[in-house]
């Protein structure tokens, strides 16, 4: 901006670099939320499936009494 068109809040530049930095930060935060959210959801489901398989294979399989010959 030139001297005749001074911004009311006191900034003398157009803020292009600041806008680019803010855009990069916002994109990085959104990507981090997507990545870590997916990792947490995937981790939860894998642990849940592991526990269900353990229950099916170990706990439920041992409930039937074995016939004695």
Protein backbone atom coordinates (compact mmCIF):
# COMPACT_ATOMS: atom_id res chain seq x y z
CA UNK A 1 0.00 0.00 0.00
CA UNK A 2 1.13 3.51 -0.57
CA UNK A 3 1.15 6.34 1.97
CA UNK A 4 -2.24 7.67 0.84
CA UNK A 5 -3.99 4.35 1.41
CA UNK A 6 -2.75 3.38 4.87
CA UNK A 7 -4.70 0.61 6.51
CA UNK A 8 -6.74 1.63 9.53
CA UNK A 9 -5.10 -0.96 11.81
CA UNK A 10 -1.58 0.18 11.00
CA UNK A 11 -0.38 -2.47 8.56
CA UNK A 12 1.59 -1.12 5.62
CA UNK A 13 1.85 -4.27 3.51
CA UNK A 14 -0.76 -6.36 1.74
CA UNK A 15 -0.15 -9.33 4.02
CA UNK A 16 0.49 -11.80 1.21
CA UNK A 17 3.19 -13.65 3.12
CA UNK A 18 1.07 -13.70 6.28
CA UNK A 19 -1.89 -15.07 4.34
CA UNK A 20 0.24 -17.79 2.79
CA UNK A 21 1.64 -18.77 6.20
CA UNK A 22 -1.86 -18.90 7.70
CA UNK A 23 -3.11 -21.01 4.78
CA UNK A 24 -0.22 -23.47 5.21
CA UNK A 25 -0.89 -23.72 8.95
CA UNK A 26 -4.61 -24.33 8.41
CA UNK A 27 -3.92 -27.00 5.78
CA UNK A 28 -1.37 -28.69 8.06
CA UNK A 29 -3.77 -28.72 11.01
CA UNK A 30 -6.60 -30.17 8.90
CA UNK A 31 -4.29 -32.88 7.53
CA UNK A 32 -3.06 -33.71 11.05
CA UNK A 33 -6.63 -34.03 12.31
CA UNK A 34 -7.52 -36.35 9.42
CA UNK A 35 -4.38 -38.49 9.84
CA UNK A 36 -4.48 -38.81 13.63
CA UNK A 37 -8.25 -39.23 13.66
CA UNK A 38 -7.96 -42.08 11.17
CA UNK A 39 -5.16 -43.65 13.18
CA UNK A 40 -7.23 -43.49 16.37
CA UNK A 41 -10.32 -44.91 14.70
CA UNK A 42 -8.31 -47.68 13.01
CA UNK A 43 -6.48 -48.49 16.23
CA UNK A 44 -9.74 -48.68 18.14
CA UNK A 45 -11.27 -51.07 15.61
CA UNK A 46 -8.19 -53.28 15.49
CA UNK A 47 -8.10 -53.61 19.29
CA UNK A 48 -11.85 -54.28 19.36
CA UNK A 49 -11.52 -56.99 16.70
CA UNK A 50 -8.56 -58.54 18.51
CA UNK A 51 -10.53 -58.74 21.76
CA UNK A 52 -13.58 -60.20 20.00
CA UNK A 53 -11.43 -62.83 18.30
CA UNK A 54 -9.74 -63.65 21.61
CA UNK A 55 -13.13 -64.04 23.26
CA UNK A 56 -14.38 -66.26 20.45
CA UNK A 57 -11.25 -68.41 20.23
CA UNK A 58 -10.30 -68.76 23.90
CA UNK A 59 -13.21 -68.00 26.19
CA UNK A 60 -16.16 -69.33 24.15
CA UNK A 61 -14.26 -72.41 22.97
CA UNK A 62 -13.54 -73.53 26.53
CA UNK A 63 -17.13 -73.39 27.74
CA UNK A 64 -18.17 -76.71 26.26
CA UNK A 65 -17.45 -79.64 28.49
CA UNK A 66 -15.38 -82.34 26.88
CA UNK A 67 -16.96 -85.79 26.96
CA UNK A 68 -14.97 -88.32 28.94
CA UNK A 69 -14.57 -91.65 27.15
